[in-house]
C-alpha atoms as a PDB file:
ATOM      1  CA  MET A   1       6.061 -26.709  12.892  1.00  0.00           C
ATOM      2  CA  VAL A   2       5.599 -23.583  10.243  1.00  0.00           C
ATOM      3  CA  GLN A   3       8.084 -21.924  11.554  1.00  0.00           C
ATOM      4  CA  GLU A   4      10.797 -25.243  10.813  1.00  0.00           C
ATOM      5  CA  ALA A   5       9.215 -25.244   7.309  1.00  0.00           C
ATOM      6  CA  ILE A   6       9.333 -21.869   6.772  1.00  0.00           C
ATOM      7  CA  LYS A   7      13.217 -21.855   7.920  1.00  0.00           C
ATOM      8  CA  ARG A   8      14.299 -25.040   5.775  1.00  0.00           C
ATOM      9  CA  LEU A   9      13.069 -23.364   2.203  1.00  0.00           C
ATOM     10  CA  THR A  10      13.743 -19.583   2.941  1.00  0.00           C
ATOM     11  CA  GLY A  11      17.528 -20.771   5.265  1.00  0.00           C
ATOM     12  CA  CYS A  12      16.000 -18.032   7.349  1.00  0.00           C
ATOM     13  CA  SER A  13      17.202 -18.055  10.668  1.00  0.00           C
ATOM     14  CA  ASP A  14      14.502 -19.171  14.354  1.00  0.00           C
ATOM     15  CA  GLU A  15      13.361 -15.760  14.237  1.00  0.00           C
ATOM     16  CA  ASP A  16      12.994 -14.330  11.175  1.00  0.00           C
ATOM     17  CA  ALA A  17      10.947 -17.942  10.331  1.00  0.00           C
ATOM     18  CA  LYS A  18       8.642 -17.165  14.034  1.00  0.00           C
ATOM     19  CA  LEU A  19       8.436 -13.584  12.267  1.00  0.00           C
ATOM     20  CA  TYR A  20       7.392 -14.386   9.137  1.00  0.00           C
ATOM     21  CA  ALA A  21       5.052 -17.359  10.782  1.00  0.00           C
ATOM     22  CA  GLU A  22       3.242 -14.474  12.147  1.00  0.00           C
ATOM     23  CA  LEU A  23       3.163 -11.976   9.586  1.00  0.00           C
ATOM     24  CA  ALA A  24       1.197 -14.697   7.521  1.00  0.00           C
ATOM     25  CA  GLU A  25      -0.712 -16.093  10.523  1.00  0.00           C
ATOM     26  CA  GLN A  26      -1.886 -12.304  11.151  1.00  0.00           C
ATOM     27  CA  ASP A  27      -2.771 -12.061   7.327  1.00  0.00           C
ATOM     28  CA  ILE A  28      -4.296 -15.758   7.633  1.00  0.00           C
ATOM     29  CA  LEU A  29      -7.023 -14.204  10.349  1.00  0.00           C
ATOM     30  CA  ARG A  30      -7.875 -11.132   8.575  1.00  0.00           C
ATOM     31  CA  GLU A  31      -9.227 -12.293   5.866  1.00  0.00           C
ATOM     32  CA  THR A  32     -10.878 -15.091   7.285  1.00  0.00           C
ATOM     33  CA  ASN A  33     -12.148 -13.303  10.662  1.00  0.00           C
ATOM     34  CA  ARG A  34     -11.191 -16.515  12.414  1.00  0.00           C
ATOM     35  CA  THR A  35      -8.995 -16.668  16.399  1.00  0.00           C
ATOM     36  CA  ALA A  36      -6.538 -19.251  15.087  1.00  0.00           C
ATOM     37  CA  VAL A  37      -5.670 -20.934  11.577  1.00  0.00           C
ATOM     38  CA  PRO A  38      -7.007 -23.587  11.200  1.00  0.00           C
ATOM     39  CA  ALA A  39      -5.252 -27.064  10.470  1.00  0.00           C
ATOM     40  CA  MET A  40      -5.842 -26.931   6.677  1.00  0.00           C
ATOM     41  CA  LEU A  41      -4.465 -23.869   6.738  1.00  0.00           C
ATOM     42  CA  LEU A  42      -0.813 -24.384   7.971  1.00  0.00           C
ATOM     43  CA  SER A  43       0.506 -25.058   4.199  1.00  0.00           C
ATOM     44  CA  THR A  44      -0.976 -22.019   3.310  1.00  0.00           C
ATOM     45  CA  GLN A  45       0.382 -20.242   6.254  1.00  0.00           C
ATOM     46  CA  ILE A  46       3.742 -21.746   4.980  1.00  0.00           C
ATOM     47  CA  ASP A  47       3.395 -20.810   1.204  1.00  0.00           C
ATOM     48  CA  ILE A  48       2.449 -17.173   2.343  1.00  0.00           C
ATOM     49  CA  ALA A  49       5.388 -16.400   4.873  1.00  0.00           C
ATOM     50  CA  VAL A  50       7.917 -17.519   2.165  1.00  0.00           C
ATOM     51  CA  ILE A  51       5.802 -15.890  -0.619  1.00  0.00           C
ATOM     52  CA  ARG A  52       6.528 -13.132   2.471  1.00  0.00           C
ATOM     53  CA  TYR A  53      10.637 -13.582   2.851  1.00  0.00           C
ATOM     54  CA  ASN A  54      10.872 -14.549  -1.328  1.00  0.00           C
ATOM     55  CA  ARG A  55       9.603 -10.510  -1.787  1.00  0.00           C
ATOM     56  CA  GLN A  56      11.971  -8.721   0.389  1.00  0.00           C
ATOM     57  CA  GLY A  57      13.369  -5.110  -0.983  1.00  0.00           C
ATOM     58  CA  THR A  58      10.200  -5.543  -3.777  1.00  0.00           C
ATOM     59  CA  GLU A  59       7.493  -4.348  -1.634  1.00  0.00           C
ATOM     60  CA  GLY A  60       4.663  -2.520  -3.290  1.00  0.00           C
ATOM     61  CA  GLU A  61       6.548  -3.009  -7.061  1.00  0.00           C
ATOM     62  CA  THR A  62       3.236  -5.000  -9.497  1.00  0.00           C
ATOM     63  CA  SER A  63       6.503  -4.919 -11.604  1.00  0.00           C
ATOM     64  CA  ARG A  64      10.607  -4.738 -12.418  1.00  0.00           C
ATOM     65  CA  SER A  65      12.269  -4.287 -15.746  1.00  0.00           C
ATOM     66  CA  GLU A  66      16.433  -4.278 -15.507  1.00  0.00           C
ATOM     67  CA  GLY A  67      19.258  -5.431 -17.870  1.00  0.00           C
ATOM     68  CA  GLY A  68      16.870  -6.647 -20.395  1.00  0.00           C
ATOM     69  CA  ILE A  69      14.432  -8.800 -17.560  1.00  0.00           C
ATOM     70  CA  SER A  70      11.477  -8.529 -16.984  1.00  0.00           C
ATOM     71  CA  SER A  71       9.122  -9.282 -13.764  1.00  0.00           C
ATOM     72  CA  SER A  72       5.773  -9.056 -12.553  1.00  0.00           C
ATOM     73  CA  PHE A  73       4.595  -9.782  -8.550  1.00  0.00           C
ATOM     74  CA  GLU A  74       0.998 -11.375  -7.949  1.00  0.00           C
ATOM     75  CA  SER A  75      -0.053 -10.136  -6.288  1.00  0.00           C
ATOM     76  CA  MET A  76      -0.980 -13.261  -4.067  1.00  0.00           C
ATOM     77  CA  PRO A  77      -1.082 -16.009  -6.083  1.00  0.00           C
ATOM     78  CA  GLU A  78      -4.913 -18.011  -6.865  1.00  0.00           C
ATOM     79  CA  TYR A  79      -4.132 -21.106  -5.298  1.00  0.00           C
ATOM     80  CA  ILE A  80      -3.150 -19.265  -1.486  1.00  0.00           C
ATOM     81  CA  ARG A  81      -6.612 -16.377  -2.083  1.00  0.00           C
ATOM     82  CA  LYS A  82      -8.715 -19.821  -3.102  1.00  0.00           C
ATOM     83  CA  ALA A  83      -7.536 -21.826   0.429  1.00  0.00           C
ATOM     84  CA  VAL A  84      -8.054 -18.487   2.300  1.00  0.00           C
ATOM     85  CA  LYS A  85     -11.155 -17.746   1.021  1.00  0.00           C
ATOM     86  CA  ASN A  86     -12.580 -21.123   2.321  1.00  0.00           C
ATOM     87  CA  LYS A  87     -12.018 -20.630   5.512  1.00  0.00           C
ATOM     88  CA  ARG A  88     -14.121 -17.629   6.098  1.00  0.00           C
ATOM     89  CA  LEU A  89     -16.435 -17.070   8.346  1.00  0.00           C
ATOM     90  CA  ALA A  90     -19.018 -14.667   7.188  1.00  0.00           C
ATOM     91  CA  GLY A  91     -19.342 -12.799   9.529  1.00  0.00           C
ATOM     92  CA  VAL A  92     -22.944 -10.804  11.175  1.00  0.00           C
ATOM     93  CA  GLY A  93     -23.391  -7.049  12.376  1.00  0.00           C
ATOM     94  CA  GLY A  94     -20.392  -6.873  12.606  1.00  0.00           C
ATOM     95  CA  TYR A  95     -19.178 -10.215  14.149  1.00  0.00           C
ATOM     96  CA  ALA A  96     -17.606 -13.459  13.108  1.00  0.00           C
ATOM     97  CA  PHE A  97     -18.933 -16.392  15.506  1.00  0.00           C
ATOM     98  CA  GLU A  98     -16.851 -19.036  15.444  1.00  0.00           C
ATOM     99  CA  LYS A  99     -17.155 -22.706  17.305  1.00  0.00           C
ATOM    100  CA  LYS A 100     -14.198 -23.319  19.773  1.00  0.00           C
ATOM    101  CA  PRO A 101     -12.896 -26.394  20.213  1.00  0.00           C
ATOM    102  CA  ASP A 102     -13.972 -27.579  23.493  1.00  0.00           C
END
């Protein structure tokens, strides 16, 4: 589902959609201390993947000005930051305890 949505929104190939989905998944897992992306964050995973796709060639830039046109970039939109933060697991002694599905 995630890869297909990325492909439809960006027009990229299956291979590229898979790569962007995996990168977005790693972003979420790193920020939430989880081992799997919660179902409630699948749309957020798609959003992150599309943002990564759209920022190709502008990595590391915070703003750009060309021919009188200025653009600025957020590191991550606030709505994504909040969604991910709400699903973050607290760490205790360097470990995050996640309930495993039965």
